[in-house]
C-alpha atoms as a PDB file:
ATOM      1  CA  MET A   1      19.150   2.452   0.176  1.00  0.00           C
ATOM      2  CA  PHE A   2      17.849  -0.800  -0.956  1.00  0.00           C
ATOM      3  CA  MET A   3      17.120  -1.943   2.466  1.00  0.00           C
ATOM      4  CA  ILE A   4      14.626   0.998   2.590  1.00  0.00           C
ATOM      5  CA  LYS A   5      13.083   0.423  -1.052  1.00  0.00           C
ATOM      6  CA  LYS A   6      12.838  -3.269  -0.122  1.00  0.00           C
ATOM      7  CA  THR A   7      11.184  -2.731   3.328  1.00  0.00           C
ATOM      8  CA  LEU A   8       8.912  -0.063   1.681  1.00  0.00           C
ATOM      9  CA  LEU A   9       7.648  -2.476  -0.937  1.00  0.00           C
ATOM     10  CA  ILE A  10       7.040  -5.124   1.566  1.00  0.00           C
ATOM     11  CA  GLN A  11       4.898  -2.837   3.840  1.00  0.00           C
ATOM     12  CA  MET A  12       2.986  -1.881   0.897  1.00  0.00           C
ATOM     13  CA  ILE A  13       2.437  -5.424  -0.050  1.00  0.00           C
ATOM     14  CA  LEU A  14       1.124  -6.037   3.209  1.00  0.00           C
ATOM     15  CA  LEU A  15      -1.320  -3.363   2.935  1.00  0.00           C
ATOM     16  CA  ASN A  16      -2.059  -4.298  -0.429  1.00  0.00           C
ATOM     17  CA  ILE A  17      -3.315  -7.714   1.007  1.00  0.00           C
ATOM     18  CA  LEU A  18      -5.667  -6.333   3.373  1.00  0.00           C
ATOM     19  CA  VAL A  19      -6.725  -3.681   1.139  1.00  0.00           C
ATOM     20  CA  LEU A  20      -7.549  -6.918  -1.191  1.00  0.00           C
ATOM     21  CA  MET A  21      -9.185  -9.180   1.430  1.00  0.00           C
ATOM     22  CA  GLY A  22     -11.369  -6.301   2.274  1.00  0.00           C
ATOM     23  CA  GLN A  23     -12.687  -5.863  -1.258  1.00  0.00           C
ATOM     24  CA  VAL A  24     -12.790  -9.625  -1.551  1.00  0.00           C
ATOM     25  CA  ILE A  25     -14.359 -10.860   1.940  1.00  0.00           C
ATOM     26  CA  PRO A  26     -15.795  -7.826   3.425  1.00  0.00           C
ATOM     27  CA  GLU A  27     -16.814  -9.361   6.695  1.00  0.00           C
ATOM     28  CA  ALA A  28     -13.510 -10.609   7.239  1.00  0.00           C
ATOM     29  CA  ALA A  29     -11.923  -7.076   7.011  1.00  0.00           C
ATOM     30  CA  PRO A  30     -10.034  -5.633   9.778  1.00  0.00           C
ATOM     31  CA  PRO A  31     -12.551  -2.962  11.077  1.00  0.00           C
ATOM     32  CA  PHE A  32      -9.995  -0.256  10.493  1.00  0.00           C
ATOM     33  CA  ALA A  33     -10.023  -1.484   6.595  1.00  0.00           C
ATOM     34  CA  ARG A  34     -11.169   1.955   5.386  1.00  0.00           C
ATOM     35  CA  ILE A  35      -8.220   3.954   6.739  1.00  0.00           C
ATOM     36  CA  VAL A  36      -5.957   1.073   5.131  1.00  0.00           C
ATOM     37  CA  ASN A  37      -7.334   1.417   2.191  1.00  0.00           C
ATOM     38  CA  ILE A  38      -7.036   5.611   2.181  1.00  0.00           C
ATOM     39  CA  VAL A  39      -3.378   5.028   3.649  1.00  0.00           C
ATOM     40  CA  PHE A  40      -2.652   2.340   0.671  1.00  0.00           C
ATOM     41  CA  LEU A  41      -3.883   4.399  -2.028  1.00  0.00           C
ATOM     42  CA  ILE A  42      -2.057   7.760  -0.853  1.00  0.00           C
ATOM     43  CA  ALA A  43       1.181   5.616  -0.488  1.00  0.00           C
ATOM     44  CA  SER A  44       1.103   4.147  -3.774  1.00  0.00           C
ATOM     45  CA  LEU A  45       0.401   7.546  -5.358  1.00  0.00           C
ATOM     46  CA  LEU A  46       3.309   8.471  -3.436  1.00  0.00           C
ATOM     47  CA  PHE A  47       5.534   6.034  -4.654  1.00  0.00           C
ATOM     48  CA  PHE A  48       4.695   5.891  -7.877  1.00  0.00           C
ATOM     49  CA  LEU A  49       5.126   9.197  -8.293  1.00  0.00           C
ATOM     50  CA  PHE A  50       8.455   9.627  -6.423  1.00  0.00           C
ATOM     51  CA  TYR A  51       9.945   6.619  -9.129  1.00  0.00           C
ATOM     52  CA  LEU A  52       8.133   8.502 -12.139  1.00  0.00           C
ATOM     53  CA  LEU A  53       9.855  11.748 -11.341  1.00  0.00           C
ATOM     54  CA  LYS A  54      13.153  10.259  -9.818  1.00  0.00           C
ATOM     55  CA  LYS A  55      13.864   8.825 -13.431  1.00  0.00           C
ATOM     56  CA  LYS A  56      13.708  12.033 -15.524  1.00  0.00           C
END
């Protein structure tokens, strides 16, 4: 179970780096940056809601 959490966190960190790169240096962002931005926001929301509801 810990390996799944660690893998998910690593993937979210990589997505976060892409999103941040698109905000800081827009011309260096990949052409799919908009989709990555949306996927990251949805994944973050689901991740935080899952852990918030899991603790109760």
